[in-house]
Structure formats: C-alpha cells, structure tokens
Amino acid sequence: MGEPAQLRLKVRYYEVDEYGHVNHANYVHYLEVARIEALEAVGLPLGEMRRQGYLLVAADLSVKYHSPARTGDALEIVTRISEVRGARSVWIQEVREAVSQRLVVTATVTGAFMTEDGRAVRTPMAFREKLSALYVPDAASADAGVLPGEGGETATLRHGIQWHGRGPLSHKGRPWCLCDGGGLRKRLRKLAGLNR
C-alpha cells in the first residue's frame, strides 16, 4: 500500500470570480496539476509515457464544492489512487485550505490509458507498479477485504474466501471477481442452491 501525494499552491488573484472566490473551473486545473505532479513523483512523467506510446486521459470527473477559497489562500491538494483495473484508474482528490484544513473540494477522476490513436489499453505492468506508490484503498473497500497483492501471495479474506494475488493492484485471480464471468455471483448462486 502506498501513500497519497500532496501539492501545495497559492490562489492567484486572476483565479477568483466576481463573487470573490475561486471560480469553479479553476479547481479542475488545480486537480490536473496535482495528478501530473503525483505521476512525476512516482516516475511516470506524461512526456515519458507518451514517448512509450501511451496517454493517460481523464475519462470522467466528478467534483463536489464544499467551501470557497479566496485570493491568497494556500491550498493543499491530496491525491491518491483507489483502483487500477484494465485501462482504468480511479483517482481520489481533496483540496483543503492549508492552514485551517477546511475542506474546499473533493473529486473523483477516472483516468484511462490509451494509445496515440485513441484505443484503450490495459495499464502496462511497469506503470501499475509505479502507480502502486499512490494506491490507498477506500475505507469501504479495505473493510470489504479488497487488498492489493504481491506476486504469488495468498490472502484469506472475509468469509474464508482465498485470493491468490498476481501483482500490485491485480484483480485477476480473485475467486470472487465478477470480471471473469462468474466469481462471487457464481459462488452466491451455489450457496443459495440455485446452481444444480
């Protein structure tokens, strides 16, 4: 398990709107800068990924505004990854006023790895390993027994279900994985006596 990246920035006067607080659109820029800085911190600068033929694009963005930030406020942006699956990665971000730690914005960003021609591709294993430095599961998924695995380890999750990990952030090999056309659904049907 990794730890979140942190970025600190100061609100500039031209980022505020007529109401005297940061215009909502500027938070999208702040969040983007924080993700790019986080990628660079773990050794995945965008330029290098592009030289290798990969792009990481934002496919979905959900932002919730909690309180306003104003000119001169120092903001702290915390960025972590809660999931990497296939071509998709889910980024969780929080923006807080640095001194008071007042929550300003929360966001969830779904990223997708693509080729230059726009075709979605699985996150390369070398990238997954580097991204694992930012992997911090949600409390809900941690409570449910969703754990990242190291190659070859076996973990016993809640209810005695075993999972044989195949690398950081790997979901393959989990006997309850719904991606493989069975998994948990199949087990539950069997337990309920519906599979005869």
N, C-alpha and C. Protein backbone atom coordinates (compact mmCIF):
# COMPACT_ATOMS: atom_id res chain seq x y z
N MET A 1 0.85 -1.18 0.00
CA MET A 1 0.00 0.00 0.00
C MET A 1 0.89 1.23 0.00
N GLY A 2 0.49 2.23 -0.78
CA GLY A 2 1.27 3.45 -0.90
C GLY A 2 0.75 4.55 0.00
N GLU A 3 1.05 5.76 -0.42
CA GLU A 3 0.55 6.92 0.32
C GLU A 3 0.22 8.03 -0.66
N PRO A 4 -0.70 8.91 -0.26
CA PRO A 4 -1.12 9.97 -1.18
C PRO A 4 -0.01 10.97 -1.46
N ALA A 5 -0.08 11.58 -2.63
CA ALA A 5 0.82 12.68 -2.98
C ALA A 5 0.18 13.97 -2.49
N GLN A 6 1.01 14.96 -2.14
CA GLN A 6 0.50 16.24 -1.68
C GLN A 6 1.13 17.35 -2.49
N LEU A 7 0.31 18.34 -2.83
CA LEU A 7 0.77 19.50 -3.57
C LEU A 7 0.19 20.74 -2.89
N ARG A 8 1.02 21.75 -2.74
CA ARG A 8 0.57 23.00 -2.15
C ARG A 8 0.65 24.09 -3.19
N LEU A 9 -0.38 24.91 -3.28
CA LEU A 9 -0.36 26.05 -4.19
C LEU A 9 -1.12 27.21 -3.58
N LYS A 10 -0.87 28.39 -4.13
CA LYS A 10 -1.49 29.61 -3.63
C LYS A 10 -2.48 30.14 -4.66
N VAL A 11 -3.66 30.54 -4.21
CA VAL A 11 -4.67 31.09 -5.10
C VAL A 11 -4.21 32.45 -5.60
N ARG A 12 -4.23 32.61 -6.93
CA ARG A 12 -3.81 33.87 -7.55
C ARG A 12 -5.04 34.75 -7.81
N TYR A 13 -4.84 36.04 -7.83
CA TYR A 13 -5.96 36.97 -7.92
C TYR A 13 -6.80 36.77 -9.18
N TYR A 14 -6.20 36.36 -10.28
CA TYR A 14 -6.95 36.21 -11.53
C TYR A 14 -7.78 34.92 -11.57
N GLU A 15 -7.67 34.07 -10.53
CA GLU A 15 -8.44 32.84 -10.48
C GLU A 15 -9.77 33.02 -9.75
N VAL A 16 -10.01 34.18 -9.18
CA VAL A 16 -11.27 34.42 -8.46
C VAL A 16 -12.28 35.07 -9.40
N ASP A 17 -13.53 34.86 -9.10
CA ASP A 17 -14.59 35.41 -9.94
C ASP A 17 -15.20 36.65 -9.29
N GLU A 18 -16.29 37.09 -9.85
CA GLU A 18 -16.98 38.29 -9.39
C GLU A 18 -17.44 38.18 -7.93
N TYR A 19 -17.63 36.97 -7.44
CA TYR A 19 -18.10 36.76 -6.07
C TYR A 19 -16.96 36.78 -5.05
N GLY A 20 -15.72 36.87 -5.53
CA GLY A 20 -14.58 36.95 -4.63
C GLY A 20 -13.98 35.63 -4.22
N HIS A 21 -14.44 34.54 -4.83
CA HIS A 21 -13.84 33.24 -4.53
C HIS A 21 -13.39 32.56 -5.81
N VAL A 22 -12.59 31.50 -5.67
CA VAL A 22 -12.05 30.80 -6.83
C VAL A 22 -13.19 30.31 -7.72
N ASN A 23 -13.10 30.63 -9.00
CA ASN A 23 -14.09 30.16 -9.96
C ASN A 23 -14.03 28.65 -10.03
N HIS A 24 -15.19 28.01 -10.11
CA HIS A 24 -15.27 26.55 -10.07
C HIS A 24 -14.40 25.87 -11.13
N ALA A 25 -14.27 26.47 -12.29
CA ALA A 25 -13.48 25.85 -13.37
C ALA A 25 -12.00 25.76 -13.01
N ASN A 26 -11.51 26.66 -12.19
CA ASN A 26 -10.09 26.64 -11.83
C ASN A 26 -9.72 25.43 -10.98
N TYR A 27 -10.68 24.87 -10.25
CA TYR A 27 -10.37 23.68 -9.46
C TYR A 27 -9.98 22.51 -10.36
N VAL A 28 -10.58 22.43 -11.55
CA VAL A 28 -10.23 21.36 -12.48
C VAL A 28 -8.76 21.48 -12.86
N HIS A 29 -8.28 22.70 -13.05
CA HIS A 29 -6.85 22.92 -13.33
C HIS A 29 -5.99 22.51 -12.13
N TYR A 30 -6.40 22.91 -10.93
CA TYR A 30 -5.64 22.53 -9.73
C TYR A 30 -5.53 21.01 -9.62
N LEU A 31 -6.65 20.33 -9.84
CA LEU A 31 -6.67 18.87 -9.73
C LEU A 31 -5.77 18.22 -10.77
N GLU A 32 -5.79 18.76 -11.99
CA GLU A 32 -4.94 18.24 -13.07
C GLU A 32 -3.46 18.41 -12.72
N VAL A 33 -3.10 19.59 -12.23
CA VAL A 33 -1.71 19.85 -11.86
C VAL A 33 -1.28 18.86 -10.77
N ALA A 34 -2.14 18.62 -9.80
CA ALA A 34 -1.81 17.71 -8.70
C ALA A 34 -1.61 16.28 -9.22
N ARG A 35 -2.44 15.83 -10.15
CA ARG A 35 -2.27 14.48 -10.71
C ARG A 35 -0.98 14.37 -11.51
N ILE A 36 -0.67 15.40 -12.29
CA ILE A 36 0.56 15.39 -13.09
C ILE A 36 1.79 15.37 -12.17
N GLU A 37 1.76 16.18 -11.12
CA GLU A 37 2.87 16.19 -10.15
C GLU A 37 2.99 14.84 -9.45
N ALA A 38 1.86 14.21 -9.12
CA ALA A 38 1.89 12.89 -8.48
C ALA A 38 2.51 11.86 -9.41
N LEU A 39 2.13 11.91 -10.68
CA LEU A 39 2.71 10.97 -11.66
C LEU A 39 4.22 11.17 -11.77
N GLU A 40 4.66 12.42 -11.82
CA GLU A 40 6.09 12.69 -11.91
C GLU A 40 6.82 12.20 -10.66
N ALA A 41 6.19 12.35 -9.49
CA ALA A 41 6.81 11.93 -8.24
C ALA A 41 7.05 10.42 -8.18
N VAL A 42 6.20 9.64 -8.87
CA VAL A 42 6.38 8.19 -8.86
C VAL A 42 7.12 7.69 -10.10
N GLY A 43 7.66 8.61 -10.90
CA GLY A 43 8.47 8.23 -12.05
C GLY A 43 7.69 8.00 -13.32
N LEU A 44 6.51 8.63 -13.46
CA LEU A 44 5.72 8.48 -14.68
C LEU A 44 5.36 9.84 -15.27
N PRO A 45 6.36 10.61 -15.70
CA PRO A 45 6.01 11.90 -16.32
C PRO A 45 5.25 11.66 -17.63
N LEU A 46 4.30 12.56 -17.92
CA LEU A 46 3.47 12.40 -19.11
C LEU A 46 4.30 12.29 -20.39
N GLY A 47 5.36 13.09 -20.50
CA GLY A 47 6.20 13.05 -21.69
C GLY A 47 6.83 11.69 -21.92
N GLU A 48 7.29 11.06 -20.85
CA GLU A 48 7.91 9.73 -20.96
C GLU A 48 6.86 8.69 -21.35
N MET A 49 5.67 8.77 -20.74
CA MET A 49 4.61 7.82 -21.12
C MET A 49 4.28 7.98 -22.60
N ARG A 50 4.22 9.21 -23.06
CA ARG A 50 3.89 9.46 -24.47
C ARG A 50 4.99 8.92 -25.39
N ARG A 51 6.25 9.09 -24.99
CA ARG A 51 7.36 8.53 -25.79
C ARG A 51 7.23 7.01 -25.91
N GLN A 52 6.65 6.38 -24.90
CA GLN A 52 6.44 4.93 -24.93
C GLN A 52 5.15 4.55 -25.65
N GLY A 53 4.41 5.56 -26.12
CA GLY A 53 3.20 5.30 -26.90
C GLY A 53 1.90 5.29 -26.10
N TYR A 54 1.92 5.80 -24.87
CA TYR A 54 0.74 5.78 -24.02
C TYR A 54 0.31 7.18 -23.62
N LEU A 55 -1.01 7.35 -23.50
CA LEU A 55 -1.59 8.57 -22.97
C LEU A 55 -2.43 8.18 -21.76
N LEU A 56 -2.50 9.05 -20.77
CA LEU A 56 -3.40 8.87 -19.65
C LEU A 56 -4.36 10.05 -19.69
N VAL A 57 -5.62 9.77 -20.01
CA VAL A 57 -6.60 10.84 -20.18
C VAL A 57 -7.67 10.74 -19.09
N ALA A 58 -8.27 11.89 -18.78
CA ALA A 58 -9.39 11.91 -17.85
C ALA A 58 -10.65 11.52 -18.62
N ALA A 59 -11.26 10.41 -18.24
CA ALA A 59 -12.47 9.93 -18.91
C ALA A 59 -13.73 10.39 -18.18
N ASP A 60 -13.62 10.65 -16.89
CA ASP A 60 -14.77 11.08 -16.09
C ASP A 60 -14.26 11.90 -14.92
N LEU A 61 -15.01 12.94 -14.58
CA LEU A 61 -14.62 13.83 -13.50
C LEU A 61 -15.85 14.21 -12.71
N SER A 62 -15.81 14.01 -11.40
CA SER A 62 -16.89 14.40 -10.52
C SER A 62 -16.29 15.28 -9.43
N VAL A 63 -16.80 16.51 -9.31
CA VAL A 63 -16.27 17.47 -8.35
C VAL A 63 -17.39 17.92 -7.43
N LYS A 64 -17.10 17.95 -6.13
CA LYS A 64 -18.05 18.46 -5.16
C LYS A 64 -17.40 19.65 -4.45
N TYR A 65 -18.11 20.77 -4.44
CA TYR A 65 -17.60 22.00 -3.84
C TYR A 65 -18.15 22.11 -2.42
N HIS A 66 -17.26 22.22 -1.44
CA HIS A 66 -17.67 22.26 -0.04
C HIS A 66 -17.63 23.67 0.55
N SER A 67 -16.59 24.42 0.24
CA SER A 67 -16.46 25.79 0.76
C SER A 67 -15.56 26.58 -0.19
N PRO A 68 -15.67 27.91 -0.18
CA PRO A 68 -14.90 28.72 -1.13
C PRO A 68 -13.45 28.93 -0.70
N ALA A 69 -12.60 29.10 -1.68
CA ALA A 69 -11.22 29.55 -1.46
C ALA A 69 -11.12 30.94 -2.05
N ARG A 70 -10.26 31.77 -1.47
CA ARG A 70 -10.15 33.16 -1.88
C ARG A 70 -8.71 33.51 -2.23
N THR A 71 -8.52 34.66 -2.86
CA THR A 71 -7.19 35.12 -3.25
C THR A 71 -6.24 35.06 -2.06
N GLY A 72 -5.07 34.51 -2.30
CA GLY A 72 -4.04 34.43 -1.27
C GLY A 72 -4.10 33.18 -0.41
N ASP A 73 -5.21 32.43 -0.44
CA ASP A 73 -5.30 31.20 0.35
C ASP A 73 -4.26 30.20 -0.14
N ALA A 74 -3.62 29.52 0.79
CA ALA A 74 -2.74 28.40 0.44
C ALA A 74 -3.60 27.14 0.45
N LEU A 75 -3.56 26.41 -0.63
CA LEU A 75 -4.35 25.19 -0.75
C LEU A 75 -3.44 23.97 -0.78
N GLU A 76 -3.91 22.91 -0.17
CA GLU A 76 -3.19 21.64 -0.15
C GLU A 76 -4.07 20.63 -0.89
N ILE A 77 -3.50 19.99 -1.90
CA ILE A 77 -4.24 19.01 -2.68
C ILE A 77 -3.63 17.63 -2.42
N VAL A 78 -4.47 16.73 -1.94
CA VAL A 78 -4.05 15.36 -1.65
C VAL A 78 -4.60 14.47 -2.76
N THR A 79 -3.73 13.66 -3.34
CA THR A 79 -4.09 12.83 -4.49
C THR A 79 -3.69 11.39 -4.21
N ARG A 80 -4.64 10.47 -4.41
CA ARG A 80 -4.36 9.05 -4.25
C ARG A 80 -5.11 8.28 -5.31
N ILE A 81 -4.73 7.03 -5.48
CA ILE A 81 -5.42 6.13 -6.41
C ILE A 81 -6.14 5.08 -5.58
N SER A 82 -7.42 4.86 -5.88
CA SER A 82 -8.18 3.86 -5.14
C SER A 82 -8.35 2.56 -5.93
N GLU A 83 -8.09 2.62 -7.24
CA GLU A 83 -8.30 1.41 -8.05
C GLU A 83 -7.56 1.53 -9.38
N VAL A 84 -7.00 0.41 -9.83
CA VAL A 84 -6.47 0.29 -11.18
C VAL A 84 -6.98 -1.04 -11.71
N ARG A 85 -7.70 -0.96 -12.82
CA ARG A 85 -8.29 -2.18 -13.39
C ARG A 85 -8.33 -2.03 -14.90
N GLY A 86 -7.71 -2.92 -15.61
CA GLY A 86 -7.69 -2.83 -17.07
C GLY A 86 -7.02 -1.54 -17.51
N ALA A 87 -7.73 -0.75 -18.31
CA ALA A 87 -7.21 0.53 -18.78
C ALA A 87 -7.54 1.66 -17.81
N ARG A 88 -8.38 1.38 -16.83
CA ARG A 88 -8.95 2.41 -15.96
C ARG A 88 -8.19 2.57 -14.65
N SER A 89 -8.11 3.82 -14.20
CA SER A 89 -7.59 4.11 -12.86
C SER A 89 -8.54 5.13 -12.23
N VAL A 90 -8.77 4.98 -10.93
CA VAL A 90 -9.66 5.90 -10.22
C VAL A 90 -8.82 6.70 -9.23
N TRP A 91 -8.86 8.02 -9.40
CA TRP A 91 -8.09 8.96 -8.61
C TRP A 91 -9.03 9.68 -7.65
N ILE A 92 -8.67 9.74 -6.38
CA ILE A 92 -9.45 10.45 -5.37
C ILE A 92 -8.63 11.66 -4.94
N GLN A 93 -9.25 12.84 -4.95
CA GLN A 93 -8.52 14.06 -4.62
C GLN A 93 -9.32 14.92 -3.64
N GLU A 94 -8.60 15.57 -2.76
CA GLU A 94 -9.18 16.52 -1.81
C GLU A 94 -8.38 17.81 -1.86
N VAL A 95 -9.09 18.92 -1.85
CA VAL A 95 -8.45 20.23 -1.76
C VAL A 95 -8.86 20.82 -0.42
N ARG A 96 -7.87 21.20 0.37
CA ARG A 96 -8.12 21.81 1.68
C ARG A 96 -7.37 23.13 1.78
N GLU A 97 -7.92 24.04 2.58
CA GLU A 97 -7.19 25.26 2.91
C GLU A 97 -6.08 24.80 3.84
N ALA A 98 -4.84 25.14 3.53
CA ALA A 98 -3.67 24.53 4.17
C ALA A 98 -3.57 24.83 5.67
N VAL A 99 -3.90 26.04 6.09
CA VAL A 99 -3.72 26.40 7.50
C VAL A 99 -4.80 25.78 8.38
N SER A 100 -6.06 25.99 8.01
CA SER A 100 -7.18 25.51 8.85
C SER A 100 -7.57 24.07 8.55
N GLN A 101 -7.13 23.53 7.41
CA GLN A 101 -7.51 22.20 6.91
C GLN A 101 -9.01 22.12 6.57
N ARG A 102 -9.62 23.28 6.34
CA ARG A 102 -11.02 23.34 5.92
C ARG A 102 -11.14 22.68 4.55
N LEU A 103 -12.12 21.77 4.42
CA LEU A 103 -12.34 21.06 3.16
C LEU A 103 -12.96 22.03 2.15
N VAL A 104 -12.33 22.14 0.98
CA VAL A 104 -12.78 23.04 -0.07
C VAL A 104 -13.46 22.26 -1.19
N VAL A 105 -12.79 21.22 -1.70
CA VAL A 105 -13.29 20.45 -2.84
C VAL A 105 -12.91 18.99 -2.66
N THR A 106 -13.79 18.09 -3.09
CA THR A 106 -13.43 16.67 -3.24
C THR A 106 -13.72 16.30 -4.70
N ALA A 107 -12.94 15.38 -5.22
CA ALA A 107 -13.12 14.97 -6.62
C ALA A 107 -12.76 13.51 -6.80
N THR A 108 -13.43 12.90 -7.75
CA THR A 108 -13.10 11.56 -8.22
C THR A 108 -12.88 11.67 -9.72
N VAL A 109 -11.73 11.21 -10.16
CA VAL A 109 -11.37 11.28 -11.57
C VAL A 109 -11.08 9.86 -12.05
N THR A 110 -11.73 9.48 -13.12
CA THR A 110 -11.44 8.19 -13.75
C THR A 110 -10.52 8.45 -14.92
N GLY A 111 -9.33 7.87 -14.85
CA GLY A 111 -8.37 8.00 -15.93
C GLY A 111 -8.38 6.76 -16.79
N ALA A 112 -7.99 6.91 -18.05
CA ALA A 112 -7.92 5.77 -18.96
C ALA A 112 -6.61 5.82 -19.72
N PHE A 113 -5.93 4.67 -19.78
CA PHE A 113 -4.72 4.56 -20.59
C PHE A 113 -5.15 4.28 -22.02
N MET A 114 -4.52 5.03 -22.94
CA MET A 114 -4.85 4.90 -24.36
C MET A 114 -3.58 4.96 -25.19
N THR A 115 -3.71 4.52 -26.43
CA THR A 115 -2.63 4.71 -27.40
C THR A 115 -2.86 6.05 -28.09
N GLU A 116 -1.89 6.49 -28.84
CA GLU A 116 -2.00 7.77 -29.56
C GLU A 116 -3.21 7.82 -30.48
N ASP A 117 -3.62 6.67 -31.00
CA ASP A 117 -4.77 6.65 -31.92
C ASP A 117 -6.11 6.55 -31.19
N GLY A 118 -6.09 6.64 -29.86
CA GLY A 118 -7.33 6.67 -29.09
C GLY A 118 -7.89 5.33 -28.67
N ARG A 119 -7.10 4.27 -28.81
CA ARG A 119 -7.55 2.93 -28.42
C ARG A 119 -7.20 2.69 -26.95
N ALA A 120 -8.20 2.30 -26.15
CA ALA A 120 -7.96 1.99 -24.74
C ALA A 120 -7.08 0.74 -24.64
N VAL A 121 -6.11 0.78 -23.70
CA VAL A 121 -5.21 -0.36 -23.49
C VAL A 121 -5.05 -0.60 -21.99
N ARG A 122 -4.79 -1.84 -21.66
CA ARG A 122 -4.51 -2.19 -20.26
C ARG A 122 -3.36 -1.35 -19.74
N THR A 123 -3.44 -1.00 -18.48
CA THR A 123 -2.34 -0.28 -17.86
C THR A 123 -1.12 -1.19 -17.87
N PRO A 124 -0.02 -0.76 -18.49
CA PRO A 124 1.18 -1.61 -18.53
C PRO A 124 1.65 -1.96 -17.11
N MET A 125 2.15 -3.18 -16.95
CA MET A 125 2.56 -3.65 -15.62
C MET A 125 3.61 -2.73 -15.00
N ALA A 126 4.56 -2.24 -15.79
CA ALA A 126 5.58 -1.33 -15.24
C ALA A 126 4.93 -0.06 -14.70
N PHE A 127 3.86 0.42 -15.35
CA PHE A 127 3.15 1.60 -14.88
C PHE A 127 2.35 1.27 -13.62
N ARG A 128 1.72 0.07 -13.60
CA ARG A 128 0.94 -0.35 -12.42
C ARG A 128 1.83 -0.40 -11.18
N GLU A 129 3.04 -0.91 -11.36
CA GLU A 129 3.95 -1.00 -10.22
C GLU A 129 4.29 0.38 -9.68
N LYS A 130 4.51 1.35 -10.57
CA LYS A 130 4.81 2.70 -10.12
C LYS A 130 3.59 3.38 -9.51
N LEU A 131 2.42 3.15 -10.10
CA LEU A 131 1.19 3.73 -9.57
C LEU A 131 0.85 3.19 -8.19
N SER A 132 1.33 1.98 -7.88
CA SER A 132 1.02 1.39 -6.57
C SER A 132 1.55 2.25 -5.42
N ALA A 133 2.54 3.13 -5.71
CA ALA A 133 3.04 4.05 -4.68
C ALA A 133 1.97 5.05 -4.24
N LEU A 134 0.95 5.26 -5.08
CA LEU A 134 -0.14 6.19 -4.77
C LEU A 134 -1.42 5.47 -4.36
N TYR A 135 -1.37 4.13 -4.32
CA TYR A 135 -2.57 3.34 -4.04
C TYR A 135 -2.91 3.35 -2.55
N VAL A 136 -4.05 3.92 -2.25
CA VAL A 136 -4.61 3.91 -0.89
C VAL A 136 -6.07 3.54 -1.06
N PRO A 137 -6.48 2.36 -0.62
CA PRO A 137 -7.87 1.93 -0.86
C PRO A 137 -8.84 2.78 -0.05
N ASP A 138 -10.08 2.85 -0.55
CA ASP A 138 -11.15 3.48 0.22
C ASP A 138 -11.38 2.65 1.47
N ALA A 139 -11.87 3.28 2.52
CA ALA A 139 -12.17 2.55 3.75
C ALA A 139 -13.17 1.45 3.46
N ALA A 140 -14.15 1.71 2.60
CA ALA A 140 -15.17 0.72 2.29
C ALA A 140 -14.56 -0.51 1.62
N SER A 141 -13.64 -0.31 0.66
CA SER A 141 -13.05 -1.47 0.00
C SER A 141 -12.06 -2.17 0.92
N ALA A 142 -11.39 -1.43 1.80
CA ALA A 142 -10.48 -2.06 2.76
C ALA A 142 -11.28 -2.92 3.74
N ASP A 143 -12.43 -2.41 4.19
CA ASP A 143 -13.28 -3.17 5.11
C ASP A 143 -13.85 -4.41 4.45
N ALA A 144 -14.05 -4.36 3.15
CA ALA A 144 -14.64 -5.49 2.44
C ALA A 144 -13.59 -6.55 2.10
N GLY A 145 -12.33 -6.30 2.45
CA GLY A 145 -11.29 -7.28 2.18
C GLY A 145 -10.65 -7.12 0.83
N VAL A 146 -10.81 -5.99 0.18
CA VAL A 146 -10.18 -5.76 -1.12
C VAL A 146 -8.77 -5.27 -0.86
N LEU A 147 -7.80 -6.11 -1.14
CA LEU A 147 -6.41 -5.81 -0.84
C LEU A 147 -5.56 -5.93 -2.08
N PRO A 148 -4.51 -5.10 -2.21
CA PRO A 148 -3.58 -5.31 -3.31
C PRO A 148 -2.69 -6.48 -2.96
N GLY A 149 -2.24 -7.24 -3.96
CA GLY A 149 -1.40 -8.39 -3.66
C GLY A 149 -0.04 -8.30 -4.30
N GLU A 150 0.89 -8.98 -3.74
CA GLU A 150 2.21 -9.12 -4.33
C GLU A 150 2.21 -10.46 -5.04
N GLY A 151 3.04 -10.61 -6.04
CA GLY A 151 3.07 -11.82 -6.84
C GLY A 151 3.15 -13.09 -6.02
N GLY A 152 2.19 -13.99 -6.23
CA GLY A 152 2.24 -15.30 -5.62
C GLY A 152 1.72 -15.41 -4.21
N GLU A 153 1.40 -14.30 -3.54
CA GLU A 153 0.93 -14.43 -2.16
C GLU A 153 -0.51 -14.88 -2.14
N THR A 154 -0.91 -15.51 -1.06
CA THR A 154 -2.29 -15.91 -0.88
C THR A 154 -2.80 -15.21 0.36
N ALA A 155 -3.95 -14.60 0.24
CA ALA A 155 -4.55 -13.91 1.38
C ALA A 155 -5.92 -14.53 1.62
N THR A 156 -6.30 -14.67 2.88
CA THR A 156 -7.63 -15.14 3.20
C THR A 156 -8.45 -13.91 3.57
N LEU A 157 -9.50 -13.70 2.81
CA LEU A 157 -10.34 -12.55 3.03
C LEU A 157 -11.51 -12.93 3.92
N ARG A 158 -12.39 -11.99 4.18
CA ARG A 158 -13.56 -12.28 4.99
C ARG A 158 -14.33 -13.46 4.42
N HIS A 159 -15.00 -14.18 5.27
CA HIS A 159 -15.82 -15.33 4.91
C HIS A 159 -15.00 -16.47 4.35
N GLY A 160 -13.67 -16.48 4.61
CA GLY A 160 -12.82 -17.59 4.22
C GLY A 160 -12.49 -17.68 2.75
N ILE A 161 -12.84 -16.67 1.96
CA ILE A 161 -12.52 -16.70 0.54
C ILE A 161 -11.04 -16.42 0.37
N GLN A 162 -10.36 -17.23 -0.43
CA GLN A 162 -8.94 -17.02 -0.65
C GLN A 162 -8.70 -16.31 -1.97
N TRP A 163 -7.66 -15.51 -1.97
CA TRP A 163 -7.29 -14.77 -3.17
C TRP A 163 -5.80 -14.99 -3.39
N HIS A 164 -5.43 -15.32 -4.60
CA HIS A 164 -4.04 -15.53 -4.97
C HIS A 164 -3.61 -14.35 -5.81
N GLY A 165 -2.91 -13.39 -5.20
CA GLY A 165 -2.53 -12.16 -5.88
C GLY A 165 -1.54 -12.41 -7.00
N ARG A 166 -1.62 -11.59 -8.02
CA ARG A 166 -0.70 -11.69 -9.16
C ARG A 166 0.00 -10.36 -9.40
N GLY A 167 0.23 -9.59 -8.38
CA GLY A 167 0.93 -8.32 -8.54
C GLY A 167 0.14 -7.19 -7.94
N PRO A 168 0.80 -6.04 -7.73
CA PRO A 168 0.12 -4.91 -7.11
C PRO A 168 -1.11 -4.50 -7.91
N LEU A 169 -2.19 -4.27 -7.24
CA LEU A 169 -3.44 -3.78 -7.80
C LEU A 169 -4.09 -4.77 -8.76
N SER A 170 -3.68 -6.01 -8.74
CA SER A 170 -4.23 -7.01 -9.64
C SER A 170 -5.58 -7.49 -9.14
N HIS A 171 -6.55 -7.59 -10.02
CA HIS A 171 -7.83 -8.16 -9.64
C HIS A 171 -8.00 -9.57 -10.20
N LYS A 172 -7.14 -9.97 -11.10
CA LYS A 172 -7.24 -11.32 -11.65
C LYS A 172 -6.82 -12.32 -10.58
N GLY A 173 -7.43 -13.46 -10.60
CA GLY A 173 -7.10 -14.49 -9.64
C GLY A 173 -7.95 -14.42 -8.38
N ARG A 174 -8.72 -13.38 -8.23
CA ARG A 174 -9.62 -13.31 -7.08
C ARG A 174 -10.82 -14.21 -7.40
N PRO A 175 -11.08 -15.21 -6.60
CA PRO A 175 -12.15 -16.13 -6.93
C PRO A 175 -13.52 -15.47 -6.93
N TRP A 176 -13.64 -14.29 -6.36
CA TRP A 176 -14.93 -13.61 -6.31
C TRP A 176 -15.02 -12.50 -7.33
N CYS A 177 -14.04 -12.38 -8.24
CA CYS A 177 -14.02 -11.31 -9.23
C CYS A 177 -15.15 -11.49 -10.24
N LEU A 178 -15.95 -10.45 -10.46
CA LEU A 178 -17.07 -10.53 -11.39
C LEU A 178 -16.64 -10.33 -12.84
N CYS A 179 -15.39 -9.90 -13.07
CA CYS A 179 -14.91 -9.64 -14.42
C CYS A 179 -14.76 -10.91 -15.25
N ASP A 180 -14.56 -12.02 -14.62
CA ASP A 180 -14.26 -13.25 -15.34
C ASP A 180 -15.51 -14.09 -15.62
N GLY A 181 -16.68 -13.47 -15.51
CA GLY A 181 -17.91 -14.18 -15.86
C GLY A 181 -18.37 -15.17 -14.81
N GLY A 182 -18.17 -14.91 -13.60
CA GLY A 182 -18.61 -15.83 -12.56
C GLY A 182 -18.27 -15.26 -11.22
N GLY A 183 -17.24 -15.79 -10.63
CA GLY A 183 -16.76 -15.27 -9.36
C GLY A 183 -17.80 -15.30 -8.27
N LEU A 184 -18.01 -14.17 -7.63
CA LEU A 184 -18.90 -14.06 -6.48
C LEU A 184 -20.33 -14.46 -6.84
N ARG A 185 -20.79 -14.01 -8.00
CA ARG A 185 -22.16 -14.33 -8.42
C ARG A 185 -22.36 -15.84 -8.45
N LYS A 186 -21.37 -16.53 -9.03
CA LYS A 186 -21.45 -17.99 -9.14
C LYS A 186 -21.43 -18.64 -7.76
N ARG A 187 -20.55 -18.16 -6.88
CA ARG A 187 -20.48 -18.70 -5.52
C ARG A 187 -21.78 -18.49 -4.76
N LEU A 188 -22.35 -17.27 -4.87
CA LEU A 188 -23.58 -16.98 -4.16
C LEU A 188 -24.74 -17.83 -4.66
N ARG A 189 -24.80 -18.03 -5.98
CA ARG A 189 -25.85 -18.89 -6.53
C ARG A 189 -25.69 -20.32 -6.00
N LYS A 190 -24.46 -20.79 -5.91
CA LYS A 190 -24.21 -22.14 -5.41
C LYS A 190 -24.62 -22.25 -3.95
N LEU A 191 -24.22 -21.23 -3.14
CA LEU A 191 -24.59 -21.23 -1.72
C LEU A 191 -26.12 -21.21 -1.54
N ALA A 192 -26.79 -20.49 -2.42
CA ALA A 192 -28.24 -20.39 -2.31
C ALA A 192 -28.95 -21.61 -2.90
N GLY A 193 -28.19 -22.54 -3.47
CA GLY A 193 -28.76 -23.75 -4.03
C GLY A 193 -29.40 -23.55 -5.40
N LEU A 194 -29.02 -22.45 -6.09
CA LEU A 194 -29.60 -22.16 -7.40
C LEU A 194 -28.84 -22.84 -8.53
N ASN A 195 -27.58 -23.27 -8.29
CA ASN A 195 -26.80 -23.98 -9.31
C ASN A 195 -26.93 -25.48 -9.01
N ARG A 196 -27.54 -26.19 -9.87
CA ARG A 196 -27.71 -27.62 -9.62
C ARG A 196 -26.96 -28.44 -10.63
